Amino acid sequence: MIDFSIVDKELIKIVGLPLIAAGRDCDLIWFGFGRRIKVKDIRRGGYREVAEYALHVQCPWRITDISKIVVGSYDKYIPNSKIEYSDEFDWDIQGANRCDEQLKTLFKLHTSNLIVKSVKVDNFGELKISFSDNYILQVIPDSSTDTEMWRFFQNGVEKEHLVVTGVGI
């Protein structure tokens, strides 16, 4: 077992903050918390707007309410409701899959934002974030290697990211 108390100390920073954005870049899902801030865009130049805190996930995850799974990591491989599945389906096109569609719907239904009520991490790096309106984000590491499962960081702050792998921090 690994002592994840350092993780608790970092993640407590988002309690009371809203989930303001979520998105996907290939198979990485990101969640943004807090207020919107401007940071330098190193790749394109200029500035871009991002959430104050970010959670990047590269392992199984899901968002549930009290009755169902609202959206999960596997949904990226399922076409959205307007596309019929075929062998040519390209899940990596933004908006083409069920994951992108469900996240968009979640934010449309909760324009007042989902507020983080609590954050819990177990000794294996499983993360559970409880929100207002009975929503829960679960992140479930699924590797016994040092492969990155998820990371948490504050945008615009020069500080090492908190990176959780299958074997530690």
N, C-alpha and C. Protein backbone atom coordinates (compact mmCIF):
# COMPACT_ATOMS: atom_id res chain seq x y z
N MET A 1 0.84 -1.20 0.00
CA MET A 1 0.00 0.00 0.00
C MET A 1 0.87 1.25 0.00
N ILE A 2 0.33 2.30 -0.54
CA ILE A 2 1.05 3.56 -0.69
C ILE A 2 0.36 4.62 0.15
N ASP A 3 1.14 5.47 0.77
CA ASP A 3 0.56 6.56 1.56
C ASP A 3 0.17 7.70 0.63
N PHE A 4 -1.11 7.89 0.44
CA PHE A 4 -1.59 8.93 -0.46
C PHE A 4 -2.04 10.19 0.29
N SER A 5 -1.54 10.38 1.54
CA SER A 5 -1.95 11.56 2.30
C SER A 5 -1.53 12.86 1.61
N ILE A 6 -0.42 12.84 0.88
CA ILE A 6 0.01 14.03 0.14
C ILE A 6 -1.02 14.40 -0.93
N VAL A 7 -1.66 13.39 -1.50
CA VAL A 7 -2.68 13.62 -2.52
C VAL A 7 -3.87 14.34 -1.89
N ASP A 8 -4.29 13.87 -0.71
CA ASP A 8 -5.40 14.52 -0.01
C ASP A 8 -5.11 16.00 0.24
N LYS A 9 -3.88 16.31 0.62
CA LYS A 9 -3.50 17.69 0.92
C LYS A 9 -3.59 18.59 -0.31
N GLU A 10 -3.30 18.05 -1.48
CA GLU A 10 -3.40 18.84 -2.71
C GLU A 10 -4.85 18.96 -3.18
N LEU A 11 -5.56 17.86 -3.19
CA LEU A 11 -6.93 17.85 -3.74
C LEU A 11 -7.94 18.60 -2.88
N ILE A 12 -7.64 18.80 -1.61
CA ILE A 12 -8.56 19.55 -0.74
C ILE A 12 -8.77 20.97 -1.28
N LYS A 13 -7.82 21.44 -2.10
CA LYS A 13 -7.90 22.80 -2.66
C LYS A 13 -9.12 23.00 -3.55
N ILE A 14 -9.69 21.93 -4.10
CA ILE A 14 -10.84 22.10 -5.00
C ILE A 14 -12.19 21.97 -4.28
N VAL A 15 -12.18 21.59 -3.00
CA VAL A 15 -13.45 21.50 -2.27
C VAL A 15 -14.07 22.89 -2.19
N GLY A 16 -15.33 22.98 -2.58
CA GLY A 16 -16.05 24.25 -2.60
C GLY A 16 -15.97 24.96 -3.95
N LEU A 17 -15.15 24.44 -4.86
CA LEU A 17 -15.01 25.06 -6.18
C LEU A 17 -15.92 24.37 -7.19
N PRO A 18 -16.30 25.09 -8.24
CA PRO A 18 -17.13 24.48 -9.29
C PRO A 18 -16.30 23.70 -10.30
N LEU A 19 -16.90 22.67 -10.86
CA LEU A 19 -16.37 22.01 -12.05
C LEU A 19 -16.85 22.87 -13.21
N ILE A 20 -15.93 23.53 -13.91
CA ILE A 20 -16.35 24.49 -14.93
C ILE A 20 -16.14 24.00 -16.35
N ALA A 21 -15.37 22.92 -16.51
CA ALA A 21 -15.11 22.44 -17.87
C ALA A 21 -14.63 21.00 -17.82
N ALA A 22 -14.83 20.33 -18.93
CA ALA A 22 -14.29 18.98 -19.13
C ALA A 22 -14.10 18.80 -20.62
N GLY A 23 -13.12 18.03 -20.98
CA GLY A 23 -12.88 17.80 -22.39
C GLY A 23 -11.95 16.62 -22.59
N ARG A 24 -11.66 16.39 -23.85
CA ARG A 24 -10.89 15.20 -24.20
C ARG A 24 -9.85 15.57 -25.24
N ASP A 25 -8.67 15.02 -25.09
CA ASP A 25 -7.62 15.12 -26.09
C ASP A 25 -7.14 13.70 -26.32
N CYS A 26 -7.56 13.11 -27.43
CA CYS A 26 -7.32 11.69 -27.73
C CYS A 26 -7.95 10.87 -26.61
N ASP A 27 -7.18 10.06 -25.89
CA ASP A 27 -7.79 9.25 -24.83
C ASP A 27 -7.61 9.86 -23.44
N LEU A 28 -7.07 11.07 -23.36
CA LEU A 28 -6.93 11.77 -22.09
C LEU A 28 -8.18 12.62 -21.87
N ILE A 29 -8.77 12.49 -20.68
CA ILE A 29 -9.91 13.34 -20.32
C ILE A 29 -9.40 14.36 -19.30
N TRP A 30 -9.84 15.60 -19.43
CA TRP A 30 -9.44 16.60 -18.45
C TRP A 30 -10.67 17.25 -17.84
N PHE A 31 -10.53 17.62 -16.57
CA PHE A 31 -11.58 18.30 -15.82
C PHE A 31 -10.99 19.57 -15.25
N GLY A 32 -11.73 20.69 -15.35
CA GLY A 32 -11.26 21.97 -14.86
C GLY A 32 -12.10 22.46 -13.70
N PHE A 33 -11.45 22.94 -12.65
CA PHE A 33 -12.12 23.39 -11.43
C PHE A 33 -11.72 24.81 -11.09
N GLY A 34 -12.64 25.53 -10.45
CA GLY A 34 -12.34 26.87 -9.96
C GLY A 34 -12.72 27.95 -10.94
N ARG A 35 -11.99 29.04 -10.90
CA ARG A 35 -12.29 30.16 -11.78
C ARG A 35 -11.49 30.05 -13.07
N ARG A 36 -11.90 30.78 -14.07
CA ARG A 36 -11.17 30.82 -15.34
C ARG A 36 -10.03 31.82 -15.20
N ILE A 37 -8.85 31.42 -15.67
CA ILE A 37 -7.69 32.30 -15.63
C ILE A 37 -7.03 32.31 -17.01
N LYS A 38 -6.23 33.34 -17.28
CA LYS A 38 -5.48 33.41 -18.54
C LYS A 38 -4.05 33.00 -18.26
N VAL A 39 -3.54 32.11 -19.14
CA VAL A 39 -2.14 31.68 -19.04
C VAL A 39 -1.50 31.81 -20.41
N LYS A 40 -0.17 31.91 -20.43
CA LYS A 40 0.55 31.97 -21.70
C LYS A 40 0.37 30.65 -22.43
N ASP A 41 0.12 30.76 -23.73
CA ASP A 41 0.00 29.59 -24.58
C ASP A 41 1.35 29.36 -25.25
N ILE A 42 2.13 28.45 -24.70
CA ILE A 42 3.49 28.21 -25.17
C ILE A 42 3.50 27.67 -26.60
N ARG A 43 2.53 26.83 -26.95
CA ARG A 43 2.51 26.22 -28.29
C ARG A 43 2.10 27.19 -29.39
N ARG A 44 1.07 28.00 -29.14
CA ARG A 44 0.51 28.85 -30.19
C ARG A 44 0.85 30.33 -30.01
N GLY A 45 1.41 30.68 -28.87
CA GLY A 45 1.68 32.08 -28.59
C GLY A 45 0.44 32.76 -28.02
N GLY A 46 0.61 33.91 -27.46
CA GLY A 46 -0.50 34.64 -26.87
C GLY A 46 -0.94 34.01 -25.55
N TYR A 47 -2.22 34.17 -25.28
CA TYR A 47 -2.78 33.67 -24.03
C TYR A 47 -4.00 32.80 -24.34
N ARG A 48 -4.34 31.95 -23.39
CA ARG A 48 -5.55 31.15 -23.50
C ARG A 48 -6.20 31.08 -22.12
N GLU A 49 -7.50 30.84 -22.13
CA GLU A 49 -8.25 30.76 -20.89
C GLU A 49 -8.38 29.31 -20.45
N VAL A 50 -8.07 29.04 -19.19
CA VAL A 50 -8.14 27.69 -18.63
C VAL A 50 -8.73 27.76 -17.22
N ALA A 51 -9.07 26.61 -16.68
CA ALA A 51 -9.53 26.55 -15.30
C ALA A 51 -8.33 26.68 -14.36
N GLU A 52 -8.58 27.19 -13.19
CA GLU A 52 -7.52 27.38 -12.20
C GLU A 52 -6.84 26.05 -11.83
N TYR A 53 -7.63 25.00 -11.63
CA TYR A 53 -7.08 23.68 -11.30
C TYR A 53 -7.49 22.68 -12.37
N ALA A 54 -6.60 21.72 -12.64
CA ALA A 54 -6.87 20.73 -13.67
C ALA A 54 -6.59 19.32 -13.15
N LEU A 55 -7.43 18.40 -13.59
CA LEU A 55 -7.26 16.97 -13.34
C LEU A 55 -7.21 16.30 -14.70
N HIS A 56 -6.09 15.65 -15.02
CA HIS A 56 -5.94 14.92 -16.28
C HIS A 56 -5.98 13.44 -15.96
N VAL A 57 -6.82 12.70 -16.67
CA VAL A 57 -7.05 11.29 -16.36
C VAL A 57 -6.74 10.44 -17.59
N GLN A 58 -5.95 9.37 -17.36
CA GLN A 58 -5.60 8.44 -18.42
C GLN A 58 -5.85 7.00 -17.99
N CYS A 59 -6.90 6.79 -17.23
CA CYS A 59 -7.30 5.46 -16.78
C CYS A 59 -8.83 5.45 -16.74
N PRO A 60 -9.44 4.31 -16.42
CA PRO A 60 -10.91 4.30 -16.37
C PRO A 60 -11.47 5.34 -15.39
N TRP A 61 -12.58 5.93 -15.78
CA TRP A 61 -13.26 6.93 -14.96
C TRP A 61 -14.75 6.90 -15.31
N ARG A 62 -15.55 7.47 -14.44
CA ARG A 62 -16.99 7.61 -14.73
C ARG A 62 -17.58 8.70 -13.86
N ILE A 63 -18.66 9.30 -14.37
CA ILE A 63 -19.47 10.24 -13.59
C ILE A 63 -20.83 9.59 -13.43
N THR A 64 -21.29 9.54 -12.19
CA THR A 64 -22.59 8.93 -11.89
C THR A 64 -23.48 9.95 -11.19
N ASP A 65 -24.80 9.70 -11.27
CA ASP A 65 -25.73 10.38 -10.38
C ASP A 65 -26.32 9.29 -9.49
N ILE A 66 -27.40 9.53 -8.82
CA ILE A 66 -27.90 8.53 -7.88
C ILE A 66 -28.53 7.32 -8.56
N SER A 67 -28.76 7.39 -9.87
CA SER A 67 -29.46 6.28 -10.53
C SER A 67 -28.71 5.62 -11.68
N LYS A 68 -27.63 6.26 -12.18
CA LYS A 68 -27.01 5.70 -13.39
C LYS A 68 -25.60 6.24 -13.60
N ILE A 69 -24.89 5.58 -14.53
CA ILE A 69 -23.63 6.13 -15.03
C ILE A 69 -24.01 7.16 -16.09
N VAL A 70 -23.64 8.39 -15.88
CA VAL A 70 -23.96 9.48 -16.80
C VAL A 70 -23.03 9.46 -18.00
N VAL A 71 -21.74 9.27 -17.73
CA VAL A 71 -20.72 9.20 -18.78
C VAL A 71 -19.51 8.48 -18.20
N GLY A 72 -18.82 7.74 -19.05
CA GLY A 72 -17.64 7.02 -18.60
C GLY A 72 -16.59 6.95 -19.67
N SER A 73 -15.41 6.49 -19.27
CA SER A 73 -14.27 6.48 -20.17
C SER A 73 -14.49 5.64 -21.42
N TYR A 74 -15.22 4.55 -21.34
CA TYR A 74 -15.44 3.71 -22.51
C TYR A 74 -16.36 4.37 -23.55
N ASP A 75 -17.16 5.34 -23.11
CA ASP A 75 -18.09 6.02 -24.02
C ASP A 75 -17.40 6.69 -25.20
N LYS A 76 -16.09 6.93 -25.09
CA LYS A 76 -15.39 7.56 -26.22
C LYS A 76 -15.34 6.64 -27.43
N TYR A 77 -15.55 5.35 -27.24
CA TYR A 77 -15.51 4.39 -28.36
C TYR A 77 -16.89 4.12 -28.96
N ILE A 78 -17.90 4.82 -28.46
CA ILE A 78 -19.28 4.65 -28.92
C ILE A 78 -19.70 5.91 -29.69
N PRO A 79 -20.27 5.76 -30.88
CA PRO A 79 -20.69 6.95 -31.63
C PRO A 79 -21.75 7.76 -30.86
N ASN A 80 -21.79 9.06 -31.13
CA ASN A 80 -22.83 9.88 -30.50
C ASN A 80 -24.19 9.48 -31.07
N SER A 81 -25.24 10.07 -30.54
CA SER A 81 -26.60 9.66 -30.90
C SER A 81 -26.97 9.98 -32.35
N LYS A 82 -26.18 10.79 -33.04
CA LYS A 82 -26.48 11.16 -34.43
C LYS A 82 -25.70 10.33 -35.45
N ILE A 83 -24.79 9.48 -34.95
CA ILE A 83 -23.94 8.69 -35.85
C ILE A 83 -24.24 7.21 -35.66
N GLU A 84 -24.40 6.53 -36.78
CA GLU A 84 -24.60 5.09 -36.73
C GLU A 84 -23.23 4.42 -36.75
N TYR A 85 -23.04 3.39 -35.92
CA TYR A 85 -21.74 2.73 -35.86
C TYR A 85 -21.41 2.03 -37.18
N SER A 86 -20.16 2.16 -37.59
CA SER A 86 -19.64 1.43 -38.75
C SER A 86 -18.16 1.19 -38.50
N ASP A 87 -17.55 0.36 -39.32
CA ASP A 87 -16.12 0.08 -39.18
C ASP A 87 -15.27 1.34 -39.40
N GLU A 88 -15.82 2.33 -40.06
CA GLU A 88 -15.10 3.57 -40.33
C GLU A 88 -15.25 4.61 -39.21
N PHE A 89 -16.03 4.31 -38.17
CA PHE A 89 -16.24 5.26 -37.08
C PHE A 89 -14.90 5.65 -36.47
N ASP A 90 -14.64 6.95 -36.39
CA ASP A 90 -13.40 7.47 -35.80
C ASP A 90 -13.75 8.15 -34.48
N TRP A 91 -13.52 7.45 -33.38
CA TRP A 91 -13.89 7.94 -32.05
C TRP A 91 -13.10 9.18 -31.66
N ASP A 92 -11.94 9.41 -32.27
CA ASP A 92 -11.08 10.50 -31.84
C ASP A 92 -11.47 11.86 -32.42
N ILE A 93 -12.43 11.91 -33.30
CA ILE A 93 -12.91 13.19 -33.82
C ILE A 93 -13.73 13.87 -32.73
N GLN A 94 -13.37 15.11 -32.40
CA GLN A 94 -14.08 15.83 -31.35
C GLN A 94 -15.57 15.91 -31.64
N GLY A 95 -16.38 15.50 -30.67
CA GLY A 95 -17.83 15.56 -30.80
C GLY A 95 -18.47 14.34 -31.42
N ALA A 96 -17.67 13.45 -31.99
CA ALA A 96 -18.23 12.29 -32.69
C ALA A 96 -18.66 11.16 -31.77
N ASN A 97 -18.15 11.15 -30.54
CA ASN A 97 -18.45 10.01 -29.67
C ASN A 97 -19.41 10.36 -28.53
N ARG A 98 -19.90 9.32 -27.90
CA ARG A 98 -20.88 9.46 -26.81
C ARG A 98 -20.29 10.21 -25.61
N CYS A 99 -19.01 10.01 -25.33
CA CYS A 99 -18.38 10.71 -24.21
C CYS A 99 -18.48 12.22 -24.39
N ASP A 100 -18.06 12.70 -25.55
CA ASP A 100 -18.13 14.14 -25.82
C ASP A 100 -19.56 14.65 -25.73
N GLU A 101 -20.50 13.88 -26.28
CA GLU A 101 -21.91 14.27 -26.28
C GLU A 101 -22.46 14.32 -24.85
N GLN A 102 -22.16 13.32 -24.04
CA GLN A 102 -22.69 13.27 -22.68
C GLN A 102 -22.09 14.37 -21.80
N LEU A 103 -20.81 14.67 -21.98
CA LEU A 103 -20.21 15.76 -21.21
C LEU A 103 -20.85 17.09 -21.57
N LYS A 104 -21.09 17.31 -22.86
CA LYS A 104 -21.74 18.55 -23.31
C LYS A 104 -23.14 18.67 -22.68
N THR A 105 -23.88 17.56 -22.68
CA THR A 105 -25.22 17.55 -22.08
C THR A 105 -25.17 17.82 -20.59
N LEU A 106 -24.20 17.21 -19.90
CA LEU A 106 -24.05 17.42 -18.46
C LEU A 106 -23.86 18.89 -18.13
N PHE A 107 -22.99 19.57 -18.88
CA PHE A 107 -22.75 20.99 -18.61
C PHE A 107 -23.93 21.86 -19.03
N LYS A 108 -24.68 21.44 -20.04
CA LYS A 108 -25.86 22.19 -20.45
C LYS A 108 -26.93 22.11 -19.36
N LEU A 109 -27.08 20.93 -18.75
CA LEU A 109 -28.08 20.74 -17.70
C LEU A 109 -27.69 21.41 -16.38
N HIS A 110 -26.40 21.62 -16.18
CA HIS A 110 -25.92 22.18 -14.92
C HIS A 110 -25.13 23.46 -15.18
N THR A 111 -25.82 24.42 -15.76
CA THR A 111 -25.17 25.69 -16.08
C THR A 111 -24.72 26.43 -14.83
N SER A 112 -25.30 26.10 -13.68
CA SER A 112 -24.87 26.74 -12.44
C SER A 112 -23.63 26.08 -11.87
N ASN A 113 -23.09 25.12 -12.59
CA ASN A 113 -21.87 24.40 -12.23
C ASN A 113 -22.10 23.40 -11.09
N LEU A 114 -21.33 22.37 -11.14
CA LEU A 114 -21.34 21.36 -10.11
C LEU A 114 -20.24 21.74 -9.10
N ILE A 115 -20.61 21.85 -7.85
CA ILE A 115 -19.67 22.28 -6.81
C ILE A 115 -19.08 21.04 -6.13
N VAL A 116 -17.76 21.04 -5.94
CA VAL A 116 -17.09 19.92 -5.27
C VAL A 116 -17.45 19.95 -3.79
N LYS A 117 -18.03 18.86 -3.31
CA LYS A 117 -18.41 18.73 -1.90
C LYS A 117 -17.35 18.01 -1.09
N SER A 118 -16.72 16.98 -1.68
CA SER A 118 -15.67 16.24 -0.98
C SER A 118 -14.77 15.53 -1.98
N VAL A 119 -13.57 15.20 -1.51
CA VAL A 119 -12.59 14.48 -2.32
C VAL A 119 -11.98 13.39 -1.45
N LYS A 120 -11.94 12.17 -1.99
CA LYS A 120 -11.34 11.05 -1.25
C LYS A 120 -10.42 10.27 -2.19
N VAL A 121 -9.30 9.85 -1.66
CA VAL A 121 -8.35 9.02 -2.41
C VAL A 121 -7.99 7.83 -1.53
N ASP A 122 -8.03 6.63 -2.12
CA ASP A 122 -7.64 5.47 -1.32
C ASP A 122 -6.16 5.15 -1.52
N ASN A 123 -5.68 4.11 -0.88
CA ASN A 123 -4.26 3.75 -0.91
C ASN A 123 -3.78 3.25 -2.26
N PHE A 124 -4.68 3.06 -3.20
CA PHE A 124 -4.30 2.58 -4.52
C PHE A 124 -4.47 3.67 -5.59
N GLY A 125 -4.77 4.89 -5.15
CA GLY A 125 -4.91 5.99 -6.07
C GLY A 125 -6.30 6.18 -6.64
N GLU A 126 -7.28 5.37 -6.18
CA GLU A 126 -8.64 5.57 -6.67
C GLU A 126 -9.17 6.88 -6.08
N LEU A 127 -9.69 7.71 -6.97
CA LEU A 127 -10.14 9.05 -6.61
C LEU A 127 -11.65 9.13 -6.71
N LYS A 128 -12.27 9.74 -5.71
CA LYS A 128 -13.72 9.93 -5.71
C LYS A 128 -14.00 11.39 -5.36
N ILE A 129 -14.59 12.11 -6.32
CA ILE A 129 -14.96 13.51 -6.10
C ILE A 129 -16.47 13.59 -6.09
N SER A 130 -17.03 14.02 -4.98
CA SER A 130 -18.48 14.17 -4.86
C SER A 130 -18.85 15.62 -5.11
N PHE A 131 -19.92 15.80 -5.91
CA PHE A 131 -20.38 17.13 -6.30
C PHE A 131 -21.78 17.38 -5.75
N SER A 132 -22.20 18.63 -5.86
CA SER A 132 -23.59 18.98 -5.59
C SER A 132 -24.48 18.21 -6.56
N ASP A 133 -25.75 18.15 -6.28
CA ASP A 133 -26.73 17.44 -7.11
C ASP A 133 -26.46 15.94 -7.22
N ASN A 134 -25.74 15.40 -6.22
CA ASN A 134 -25.50 13.95 -6.12
C ASN A 134 -24.71 13.35 -7.27
N TYR A 135 -23.85 14.12 -7.91
CA TYR A 135 -22.97 13.60 -8.94
C TYR A 135 -21.64 13.18 -8.30
N ILE A 136 -21.04 12.14 -8.85
CA ILE A 136 -19.75 11.64 -8.36
C ILE A 136 -18.85 11.33 -9.54
N LEU A 137 -17.62 11.79 -9.47
CA LEU A 137 -16.58 11.43 -10.44
C LEU A 137 -15.68 10.41 -9.76
N GLN A 138 -15.54 9.25 -10.38
CA GLN A 138 -14.64 8.21 -9.87
C GLN A 138 -13.54 7.99 -10.90
N VAL A 139 -12.30 7.92 -10.43
CA VAL A 139 -11.14 7.65 -11.26
C VAL A 139 -10.50 6.38 -10.69
N ILE A 140 -10.34 5.37 -11.55
CA ILE A 140 -9.94 4.04 -11.08
C ILE A 140 -8.65 3.60 -11.76
N PRO A 141 -7.49 3.80 -11.13
CA PRO A 141 -6.24 3.33 -11.72
C PRO A 141 -6.32 1.82 -11.98
N ASP A 142 -5.76 1.40 -13.11
CA ASP A 142 -5.88 -0.01 -13.50
C ASP A 142 -4.56 -0.60 -13.99
N SER A 143 -3.46 -0.13 -13.44
CA SER A 143 -2.16 -0.65 -13.85
C SER A 143 -1.30 -0.89 -12.60
N SER A 144 -0.46 -1.93 -12.67
CA SER A 144 0.47 -2.22 -11.58
C SER A 144 1.87 -1.71 -11.92
N THR A 145 1.95 -0.81 -12.90
CA THR A 145 3.24 -0.27 -13.35
C THR A 145 3.34 1.21 -12.99
N ASP A 146 4.46 1.82 -13.39
CA ASP A 146 4.63 3.25 -13.12
C ASP A 146 4.03 4.13 -14.22
N THR A 147 3.12 3.57 -15.00
CA THR A 147 2.40 4.33 -16.02
C THR A 147 1.51 5.37 -15.35
N GLU A 148 1.50 6.58 -15.89
CA GLU A 148 0.67 7.64 -15.32
C GLU A 148 -0.81 7.28 -15.44
N MET A 149 -1.53 7.39 -14.34
CA MET A 149 -2.97 7.15 -14.30
C MET A 149 -3.72 8.47 -14.30
N TRP A 150 -3.30 9.39 -13.44
CA TRP A 150 -3.91 10.72 -13.41
C TRP A 150 -2.94 11.72 -12.79
N ARG A 151 -3.20 12.98 -13.09
CA ARG A 151 -2.39 14.06 -12.52
C ARG A 151 -3.28 15.23 -12.15
N PHE A 152 -2.85 15.99 -11.14
CA PHE A 152 -3.56 17.15 -10.66
C PHE A 152 -2.57 18.30 -10.59
N PHE A 153 -2.99 19.49 -11.03
CA PHE A 153 -2.09 20.64 -10.96
C PHE A 153 -2.88 21.94 -11.00
N GLN A 154 -2.19 23.00 -10.61
CA GLN A 154 -2.76 24.35 -10.65
C GLN A 154 -2.18 25.05 -11.86
N ASN A 155 -3.04 25.48 -12.77
CA ASN A 155 -2.59 26.20 -13.96
C ASN A 155 -2.01 27.55 -13.58
N GLY A 156 -0.99 27.98 -14.32
CA GLY A 156 -0.39 29.29 -14.10
C GLY A 156 0.55 29.36 -12.91
N VAL A 157 0.82 28.22 -12.28
CA VAL A 157 1.71 28.19 -11.12
C VAL A 157 2.88 27.26 -11.44
N GLU A 158 4.09 27.75 -11.28
CA GLU A 158 5.28 26.93 -11.53
C GLU A 158 5.50 26.01 -10.33
N LYS A 159 4.98 24.82 -10.42
CA LYS A 159 5.08 23.84 -9.33
C LYS A 159 4.95 22.46 -9.96
N GLU A 160 5.64 21.48 -9.40
CA GLU A 160 5.53 20.13 -9.93
C GLU A 160 4.09 19.65 -9.84
N HIS A 161 3.67 18.90 -10.85
CA HIS A 161 2.34 18.31 -10.84
C HIS A 161 2.32 17.10 -9.91
N LEU A 162 1.17 16.85 -9.34
CA LEU A 162 0.96 15.64 -8.56
C LEU A 162 0.58 14.55 -9.54
N VAL A 163 1.41 13.54 -9.72
CA VAL A 163 1.19 12.49 -10.70
C VAL A 163 1.04 11.15 -9.96
N VAL A 164 -0.07 10.48 -10.21
CA VAL A 164 -0.35 9.19 -9.59
C VAL A 164 -0.20 8.09 -10.63
N THR A 165 0.59 7.07 -10.28
CA THR A 165 0.80 5.92 -11.15
C THR A 165 0.27 4.67 -10.44
N GLY A 166 0.43 3.54 -11.07
CA GLY A 166 0.01 2.29 -10.45
C GLY A 166 0.88 1.86 -9.28
N VAL A 167 2.03 2.51 -9.11
CA VAL A 167 2.94 2.12 -8.03
C VAL A 167 3.25 3.25 -7.05
N GLY A 168 2.70 4.42 -7.27
CA GLY A 168 2.96 5.51 -6.32
C GLY A 168 2.74 6.87 -6.92
N ILE A 169 3.35 7.84 -6.24
CA ILE A 169 3.21 9.26 -6.61
C ILE A 169 4.48 9.72 -7.27
